[in-house]
All heavy atoms as atom14 arrays in JSON, in Angstrom:
{
  "sequence": "SVQPAGSLRLSCASSGSIELIYVMGWYRQRPGMQREE",
  "atom14_mask": [
    [1, 1, 1, 1, 1, 1, 0, 0, 0, 0, 0, 0, 0, 0],
    [1, 1, 1, 1, 1, 1, 1, 0, 0, 0, 0, 0, 0, 0],
    [1, 1, 1, 1, 1, 1, 1, 1, 1, 0, 0, 0, 0, 0],
    [1, 1, 1, 1, 1, 1, 1, 0, 0, 0, 0, 0, 0, 0],
    [1, 1, 1, 1, 1, 0, 0, 0, 0, 0, 0, 0, 0, 0],
    [1, 1, 1, 1, 0, 0, 0, 0, 0, 0, 0, 0, 0, 0],
    [1, 1, 1, 1, 1, 1, 0, 0, 0, 0, 0, 0, 0, 0],
    [1, 1, 1, 1, 1, 1, 1, 1, 0, 0, 0, 0, 0, 0],
    [1, 1, 1, 1, 1, 1, 1, 1, 1, 1, 1, 0, 0, 0],
    [1, 1, 1, 1, 1, 1, 1, 1, 0, 0, 0, 0, 0, 0],
    [1, 1, 1, 1, 1, 1, 0, 0, 0, 0, 0, 0, 0, 0],
    [1, 1, 1, 1, 1, 1, 0, 0, 0, 0, 0, 0, 0, 0],
    [1, 1, 1, 1, 1, 0, 0, 0, 0, 0, 0, 0, 0, 0],
    [1, 1, 1, 1, 1, 1, 0, 0, 0, 0, 0, 0, 0, 0],
    [1, 1, 1, 1, 1, 1, 0, 0, 0, 0, 0, 0, 0, 0],
    [1, 1, 1, 1, 0, 0, 0, 0, 0, 0, 0, 0, 0, 0],
    [1, 1, 1, 1, 1, 1, 0, 0, 0, 0, 0, 0, 0, 0],
    [1, 1, 1, 1, 1, 1, 1, 1, 0, 0, 0, 0, 0, 0],
    [1, 1, 1, 1, 1, 1, 1, 1, 1, 0, 0, 0, 0, 0],
    [1, 1, 1, 1, 1, 1, 1, 1, 0, 0, 0, 0, 0, 0],
    [1, 1, 1, 1, 1, 1, 1, 1, 0, 0, 0, 0, 0, 0],
    [1, 1, 1, 1, 1, 1, 1, 1, 1, 1, 1, 1, 0, 0],
    [1, 1, 1, 1, 1, 1, 1, 0, 0, 0, 0, 0, 0, 0],
    [1, 1, 1, 1, 1, 1, 1, 1, 0, 0, 0, 0, 0, 0],
    [1, 1, 1, 1, 0, 0, 0, 0, 0, 0, 0, 0, 0, 0],
    [1, 1, 1, 1, 1, 1, 1, 1, 1, 1, 1, 1, 1, 1],
    [1, 1, 1, 1, 1, 1, 1, 1, 1, 1, 1, 1, 0, 0],
    [1, 1, 1, 1, 1, 1, 1, 1, 1, 1, 1, 0, 0, 0],
    [1, 1, 1, 1, 1, 1, 1, 1, 1, 0, 0, 0, 0, 0],
    [1, 1, 1, 1, 1, 1, 1, 1, 1, 1, 1, 0, 0, 0],
    [1, 1, 1, 1, 1, 1, 1, 0, 0, 0, 0, 0, 0, 0],
    [1, 1, 1, 1, 0, 0, 0, 0, 0, 0, 0, 0, 0, 0],
    [1, 1, 1, 1, 1, 1, 1, 1, 0, 0, 0, 0, 0, 0],
    [1, 1, 1, 1, 1, 1, 1, 1, 1, 0, 0, 0, 0, 0],
    [1, 1, 1, 1, 1, 1, 1, 1, 1, 1, 1, 0, 0, 0],
    [1, 1, 1, 1, 1, 1, 1, 1, 1, 0, 0, 0, 0, 0],
    [1, 1, 1, 1, 1, 1, 1, 1, 1, 0, 0, 0, 0, 0]
  ],
  "atom14_positions": [
    [[105.86, 116.36, 108.83], [106.57, 117.61, 108.58], [107.99, 117.3, 108.12], [108.68, 116.48, 108.71], [106.6, 118.47, 109.84], [107.27, 119.69, 109.61], [0.0, 0.0, 0.0], [0.0, 0.0, 0.0], [0.0, 0.0, 0.0], [0.0, 0.0, 0.0], [0.0, 0.0, 0.0], [0.0, 0.0, 0.0], [0.0, 0.0, 0.0], [0.0, 0.0, 0.0]],
    [[108.41, 117.98, 107.06], [109.73, 117.75, 106.49], [110.31, 119.07, 106.0], [109.56, 120.0, 105.65], [109.66, 116.72, 105.34], [108.87, 117.28, 104.17], [111.05, 116.28, 104.91], [0.0, 0.0, 0.0], [0.0, 0.0, 0.0], [0.0, 0.0, 0.0], [0.0, 0.0, 0.0], [0.0, 0.0, 0.0], [0.0, 0.0, 0.0], [0.0, 0.0, 0.0]],
    [[111.62, 119.18, 105.97], [112.29, 120.36, 105.45], [112.3, 120.35, 103.93], [112.17, 119.29, 103.31], [113.72, 120.44, 105.97], [113.85, 120.59, 107.47], [115.29, 120.73, 107.91], [116.12, 121.29, 107.21], [115.58, 120.21, 109.09], [0.0, 0.0, 0.0], [0.0, 0.0, 0.0], [0.0, 0.0, 0.0], [0.0, 0.0, 0.0], [0.0, 0.0, 0.0]],
    [[112.42, 121.51, 103.31], [112.55, 121.54, 101.84], [113.67, 120.63, 101.37], [114.73, 120.55, 102.0], [112.87, 123.01, 101.54], [112.23, 123.75, 102.67], [112.41, 122.86, 103.88], [0.0, 0.0, 0.0], [0.0, 0.0, 0.0], [0.0, 0.0, 0.0], [0.0, 0.0, 0.0], [0.0, 0.0, 0.0], [0.0, 0.0, 0.0], [0.0, 0.0, 0.0]],
    [[113.43, 119.94, 100.26], [114.34, 118.96, 99.67], [114.31, 117.62, 100.4], [115.03, 116.69, 100.0], [115.76, 119.47, 99.55], [0.0, 0.0, 0.0], [0.0, 0.0, 0.0], [0.0, 0.0, 0.0], [0.0, 0.0, 0.0], [0.0, 0.0, 0.0], [0.0, 0.0, 0.0], [0.0, 0.0, 0.0], [0.0, 0.0, 0.0], [0.0, 0.0, 0.0]],
    [[113.5, 117.5, 101.42], [113.36, 116.25, 102.13], [112.42, 115.29, 101.43], [111.9, 115.57, 100.34], [0.0, 0.0, 0.0], [0.0, 0.0, 0.0], [0.0, 0.0, 0.0], [0.0, 0.0, 0.0], [0.0, 0.0, 0.0], [0.0, 0.0, 0.0], [0.0, 0.0, 0.0], [0.0, 0.0, 0.0], [0.0, 0.0, 0.0], [0.0, 0.0, 0.0]],
    [[112.18, 114.13, 102.05], [111.37, 113.08, 101.45], [110.34, 112.54, 102.43], [110.55, 112.54, 103.64], [112.25, 111.92, 100.99], [113.17, 112.32, 99.99], [0.0, 0.0, 0.0], [0.0, 0.0, 0.0], [0.0, 0.0, 0.0], [0.0, 0.0, 0.0], [0.0, 0.0, 0.0], [0.0, 0.0, 0.0], [0.0, 0.0, 0.0], [0.0, 0.0, 0.0]],
    [[109.23, 112.08, 101.88], [108.2, 111.37, 102.62], [107.66, 110.26, 101.75], [107.65, 110.38, 100.52], [107.05, 112.29, 103.03], [107.28, 113.28, 104.17], [106.07, 114.21, 104.29], [107.5, 112.54, 105.48], [0.0, 0.0, 0.0], [0.0, 0.0, 0.0], [0.0, 0.0, 0.0], [0.0, 0.0, 0.0], [0.0, 0.0, 0.0], [0.0, 0.0, 0.0]],
    [[107.19, 109.2, 102.39], [106.56, 108.09, 101.68], [105.15, 107.9, 102.22], [104.96, 107.53, 103.38], [107.36, 106.8, 101.85], [106.8, 105.59, 101.11], [107.73, 104.4, 101.24], [107.19, 103.15, 100.73], [107.22, 102.76, 99.47], [107.77, 103.56, 98.55], [106.7, 101.6, 99.1], [0.0, 0.0, 0.0], [0.0, 0.0, 0.0], [0.0, 0.0, 0.0]],
    [[104.16, 108.18, 101.39], [102.77, 108.01, 101.77], [102.29, 106.62, 101.41], [102.7, 106.05, 100.4], [101.89, 109.05, 101.08], [102.28, 110.52, 101.24], [101.24, 111.41, 100.56], [102.43, 110.89, 102.71], [0.0, 0.0, 0.0], [0.0, 0.0, 0.0], [0.0, 0.0, 0.0], [0.0, 0.0, 0.0], [0.0, 0.0, 0.0], [0.0, 0.0, 0.0]],
    [[101.39, 106.08, 102.23], [100.8, 104.78, 101.98], [99.29, 104.87, 102.02], [98.73, 105.66, 102.78], [101.29, 103.76, 103.0], [102.68, 103.57, 102.92], [0.0, 0.0, 0.0], [0.0, 0.0, 0.0], [0.0, 0.0, 0.0], [0.0, 0.0, 0.0], [0.0, 0.0, 0.0], [0.0, 0.0, 0.0], [0.0, 0.0, 0.0], [0.0, 0.0, 0.0]],
    [[98.63, 104.06, 101.21], [97.18, 103.96, 101.18], [96.81, 102.5, 101.32], [97.06, 101.7, 100.4], [96.64, 104.53, 99.87], [94.87, 104.25, 99.6], [0.0, 0.0, 0.0], [0.0, 0.0, 0.0], [0.0, 0.0, 0.0], [0.0, 0.0, 0.0], [0.0, 0.0, 0.0], [0.0, 0.0, 0.0], [0.0, 0.0, 0.0], [0.0, 0.0, 0.0]],
    [[96.25, 102.14, 102.45], [95.86, 100.76, 102.73], [94.39, 100.56, 102.43], [93.55, 101.33, 102.88], [96.16, 100.41, 104.18], [0.0, 0.0, 0.0], [0.0, 0.0, 0.0], [0.0, 0.0, 0.0], [0.0, 0.0, 0.0], [0.0, 0.0, 0.0], [0.0, 0.0, 0.0], [0.0, 0.0, 0.0], [0.0, 0.0, 0.0], [0.0, 0.0, 0.0]],
    [[94.07, 99.52, 101.68], [92.7, 99.2, 101.31], [92.17, 98.05, 102.16], [92.9, 97.12, 102.48], [92.62, 98.82, 99.83], [91.34, 98.33, 99.49], [0.0, 0.0, 0.0], [0.0, 0.0, 0.0], [0.0, 0.0, 0.0], [0.0, 0.0, 0.0], [0.0, 0.0, 0.0], [0.0, 0.0, 0.0], [0.0, 0.0, 0.0], [0.0, 0.0, 0.0]],
    [[90.88, 98.11, 102.48], [90.25, 97.05, 103.25], [90.0, 95.8, 102.41], [89.73, 94.73, 102.97], [88.93, 97.54, 103.84], [88.01, 97.87, 102.81], [0.0, 0.0, 0.0], [0.0, 0.0, 0.0], [0.0, 0.0, 0.0], [0.0, 0.0, 0.0], [0.0, 0.0, 0.0], [0.0, 0.0, 0.0], [0.0, 0.0, 0.0], [0.0, 0.0, 0.0]],
    [[90.08, 95.93, 101.1], [89.85, 94.82, 100.21], [90.88, 94.77, 99.11], [91.78, 95.6, 99.03], [0.0, 0.0, 0.0], [0.0, 0.0, 0.0], [0.0, 0.0, 0.0], [0.0, 0.0, 0.0], [0.0, 0.0, 0.0], [0.0, 0.0, 0.0], [0.0, 0.0, 0.0], [0.0, 0.0, 0.0], [0.0, 0.0, 0.0], [0.0, 0.0, 0.0]],
    [[90.73, 93.8, 98.23], [91.67, 93.63, 97.13], [91.67, 94.84, 96.21], [90.61, 95.4, 95.9], [91.31, 92.38, 96.34], [92.13, 92.26, 95.19], [0.0, 0.0, 0.0], [0.0, 0.0, 0.0], [0.0, 0.0, 0.0], [0.0, 0.0, 0.0], [0.0, 0.0, 0.0], [0.0, 0.0, 0.0], [0.0, 0.0, 0.0], [0.0, 0.0, 0.0]],
    [[92.85, 95.23, 95.76], [92.96, 96.32, 94.79], [93.4, 95.81, 93.42], [93.51, 96.6, 92.49], [93.95, 97.41, 95.26], [95.38, 96.86, 95.32], [93.52, 97.97, 96.61], [96.43, 97.94, 95.52], [0.0, 0.0, 0.0], [0.0, 0.0, 0.0], [0.0, 0.0, 0.0], [0.0, 0.0, 0.0], [0.0, 0.0, 0.0], [0.0, 0.0, 0.0]],
    [[93.63, 94.52, 93.29], [94.2, 93.95, 92.07], [93.37, 94.29, 90.84], [93.93, 94.56, 89.77], [94.34, 92.44, 92.21], [94.97, 91.77, 91.0], [95.16, 90.28, 91.18], [94.69, 89.75, 92.22], [95.77, 89.64, 90.31], [0.0, 0.0, 0.0], [0.0, 0.0, 0.0], [0.0, 0.0, 0.0], [0.0, 0.0, 0.0], [0.0, 0.0, 0.0]],
    [[92.04, 94.26, 90.96], [91.17, 94.47, 89.82], [90.61, 95.88, 89.72], [89.81, 96.17, 88.83], [90.03, 93.45, 89.84], [90.45, 91.98, 89.81], [89.23, 91.08, 89.84], [91.3, 91.69, 88.58], [0.0, 0.0, 0.0], [0.0, 0.0, 0.0], [0.0, 0.0, 0.0], [0.0, 0.0, 0.0], [0.0, 0.0, 0.0], [0.0, 0.0, 0.0]],
    [[91.01, 96.77, 90.62], [90.57, 98.15, 90.54], [91.29, 98.84, 89.39], [92.53, 98.84, 89.33], [90.84, 98.89, 91.86], [90.01, 98.28, 92.98], [90.54, 100.38, 91.72], [90.27, 98.87, 94.35], [0.0, 0.0, 0.0], [0.0, 0.0, 0.0], [0.0, 0.0, 0.0], [0.0, 0.0, 0.0], [0.0, 0.0, 0.0], [0.0, 0.0, 0.0]],
    [[90.53, 99.43, 88.48], [91.12, 99.94, 87.25], [92.15, 101.04, 87.49], [93.24, 101.01, 86.92], [90.04, 100.46, 86.31], [90.63, 101.07, 85.05], [91.27, 100.28, 84.12], [90.55, 102.44, 84.82], [91.84, 100.82, 82.98], [91.1, 102.99, 83.68], [91.75, 102.18, 82.77], [92.31, 102.73, 81.64], [0.0, 0.0, 0.0], [0.0, 0.0, 0.0]],
    [[91.81, 102.01, 88.33], [92.73, 103.11, 88.55], [92.72, 103.54, 90.02], [91.66, 103.65, 90.63], [92.43, 104.3, 87.62], [91.03, 104.86, 87.87], [93.48, 105.39, 87.77], [0.0, 0.0, 0.0], [0.0, 0.0, 0.0], [0.0, 0.0, 0.0], [0.0, 0.0, 0.0], [0.0, 0.0, 0.0], [0.0, 0.0, 0.0], [0.0, 0.0, 0.0]],
    [[93.89, 103.78, 90.55], [94.05, 104.35, 91.88], [94.95, 105.58, 91.75], [95.78, 105.65, 90.85], [94.65, 103.35, 92.86], [93.8, 102.11, 93.05], [94.42, 101.01, 94.35], [94.09, 102.02, 95.81], [0.0, 0.0, 0.0], [0.0, 0.0, 0.0], [0.0, 0.0, 0.0], [0.0, 0.0, 0.0], [0.0, 0.0, 0.0], [0.0, 0.0, 0.0]],
    [[94.76, 106.52, 92.64], [95.54, 107.73, 92.53], [95.66, 108.51, 93.82], [94.97, 108.24, 94.8], [0.0, 0.0, 0.0], [0.0, 0.0, 0.0], [0.0, 0.0, 0.0], [0.0, 0.0, 0.0], [0.0, 0.0, 0.0], [0.0, 0.0, 0.0], [0.0, 0.0, 0.0], [0.0, 0.0, 0.0], [0.0, 0.0, 0.0], [0.0, 0.0, 0.0]],
    [[96.56, 109.47, 93.77], [96.77, 110.41, 94.86], [96.33, 111.8, 94.42], [96.67, 112.24, 93.32], [98.24, 110.45, 95.29], [98.69, 109.22, 96.0], [99.33, 108.15, 95.46], [98.54, 108.94, 97.39], [99.6, 107.21, 96.43], [99.12, 107.68, 97.63], [97.99, 109.64, 98.46], [99.16, 107.09, 98.89], [98.02, 109.06, 99.72], [98.59, 107.8, 99.92]],
    [[95.6, 112.48, 95.29], [95.15, 113.84, 95.07], [95.6, 114.68, 96.26], [95.84, 114.16, 97.34], [93.63, 113.9, 94.94], [93.09, 113.21, 93.71], [93.07, 111.82, 93.61], [92.59, 113.95, 92.64], [92.57, 111.19, 92.48], [92.1, 113.33, 91.51], [92.09, 111.95, 91.43], [91.59, 111.34, 90.31], [0.0, 0.0, 0.0], [0.0, 0.0, 0.0]],
    [[95.71, 115.98, 96.05], [96.08, 116.86, 97.14], [95.25, 118.13, 97.09], [94.78, 118.55, 96.03], [97.56, 117.2, 97.13], [98.01, 118.12, 96.01], [99.52, 118.29, 96.02], [99.99, 119.18, 94.98], [101.27, 119.37, 94.66], [102.22, 118.69, 95.31], [101.6, 120.21, 93.69], [0.0, 0.0, 0.0], [0.0, 0.0, 0.0], [0.0, 0.0, 0.0]],
    [[95.07, 118.73, 98.26], [94.38, 119.99, 98.36], [95.22, 120.94, 99.21], [95.45, 120.68, 100.39], [93.0, 119.83, 98.98], [92.19, 121.11, 98.99], [90.73, 120.88, 99.31], [90.32, 119.77, 99.6], [89.95, 121.93, 99.26], [0.0, 0.0, 0.0], [0.0, 0.0, 0.0], [0.0, 0.0, 0.0], [0.0, 0.0, 0.0], [0.0, 0.0, 0.0]],
    [[95.7, 122.01, 98.59], [96.48, 123.02, 99.27], [95.55, 124.1, 99.8], [94.45, 124.28, 99.28], [97.52, 123.61, 98.32], [98.6, 122.6, 97.93], [99.62, 123.17, 96.97], [99.13, 123.17, 95.6], [99.85, 123.54, 94.55], [101.1, 123.97, 94.73], [99.33, 123.5, 93.34], [0.0, 0.0, 0.0], [0.0, 0.0, 0.0], [0.0, 0.0, 0.0]],
    [[95.97, 124.81, 100.84], [95.1, 125.83, 101.45], [94.6, 126.83, 100.42], [95.37, 127.39, 99.64], [96.02, 126.5, 102.47], [97.01, 125.43, 102.84], [97.25, 124.69, 101.56], [0.0, 0.0, 0.0], [0.0, 0.0, 0.0], [0.0, 0.0, 0.0], [0.0, 0.0, 0.0], [0.0, 0.0, 0.0], [0.0, 0.0, 0.0], [0.0, 0.0, 0.0]],
    [[93.3, 127.03, 100.41], [92.7, 128.0, 99.52], [92.59, 127.56, 98.07], [92.21, 128.37, 97.21], [0.0, 0.0, 0.0], [0.0, 0.0, 0.0], [0.0, 0.0, 0.0], [0.0, 0.0, 0.0], [0.0, 0.0, 0.0], [0.0, 0.0, 0.0], [0.0, 0.0, 0.0], [0.0, 0.0, 0.0], [0.0, 0.0, 0.0], [0.0, 0.0, 0.0]],
    [[92.92, 126.3, 97.78], [92.91, 125.82, 96.41], [92.0, 124.61, 96.26], [91.63, 123.95, 97.23], [94.32, 125.45, 95.96], [95.31, 126.59, 95.99], [96.98, 126.09, 95.5], [96.7, 125.61, 93.78], [0.0, 0.0, 0.0], [0.0, 0.0, 0.0], [0.0, 0.0, 0.0], [0.0, 0.0, 0.0], [0.0, 0.0, 0.0], [0.0, 0.0, 0.0]],
    [[91.62, 124.32, 95.02], [90.82, 123.14, 94.72], [91.69, 121.88, 94.75], [92.9, 121.94, 94.58], [90.15, 123.28, 93.35], [89.13, 124.38, 93.25], [87.95, 124.13, 94.15], [87.75, 124.84, 95.14], [87.16, 123.12, 93.83], [0.0, 0.0, 0.0], [0.0, 0.0, 0.0], [0.0, 0.0, 0.0], [0.0, 0.0, 0.0], [0.0, 0.0, 0.0]],
    [[91.04, 120.76, 94.98], [91.73, 119.48, 94.95], [92.3, 119.22, 93.56], [91.64, 119.5, 92.55], [90.77, 118.36, 95.33], [91.39, 116.98, 95.41], [90.33, 115.94, 95.76], [89.31, 115.86, 94.72], [88.19, 115.17, 94.83], [87.93, 114.5, 95.94], [87.32, 115.15, 93.83], [0.0, 0.0, 0.0], [0.0, 0.0, 0.0], [0.0, 0.0, 0.0]],
    [[93.51, 118.71, 93.49], [94.14, 118.43, 92.22], [94.7, 117.01, 92.19], [95.11, 116.47, 93.21], [95.25, 119.44, 91.92], [96.39, 119.44, 92.92], [97.41, 120.54, 92.67], [97.41, 121.11, 91.55], [98.2, 120.83, 93.58], [0.0, 0.0, 0.0], [0.0, 0.0, 0.0], [0.0, 0.0, 0.0], [0.0, 0.0, 0.0], [0.0, 0.0, 0.0]],
    [[94.73, 116.45, 91.0], [95.27, 115.11, 90.8], [96.79, 115.17, 90.79], [97.38, 115.93, 90.02], [94.74, 114.53, 89.5], [95.18, 113.1, 89.21], [94.61, 112.61, 87.89], [93.42, 112.23, 87.87], [95.35, 112.63, 86.89], [0.0, 0.0, 0.0], [0.0, 0.0, 0.0], [0.0, 0.0, 0.0], [0.0, 0.0, 0.0], [0.0, 0.0, 0.0]]
  ]
}
């Protein structure tokens, strides 16, 4: 939880190597909405 204009740093840890994975990304889903890139 953060106030407006604040900051957060999200992390995604993989169980294996990510070096050769072509694309990685972050998606979000807001209440009542579809998942978006």
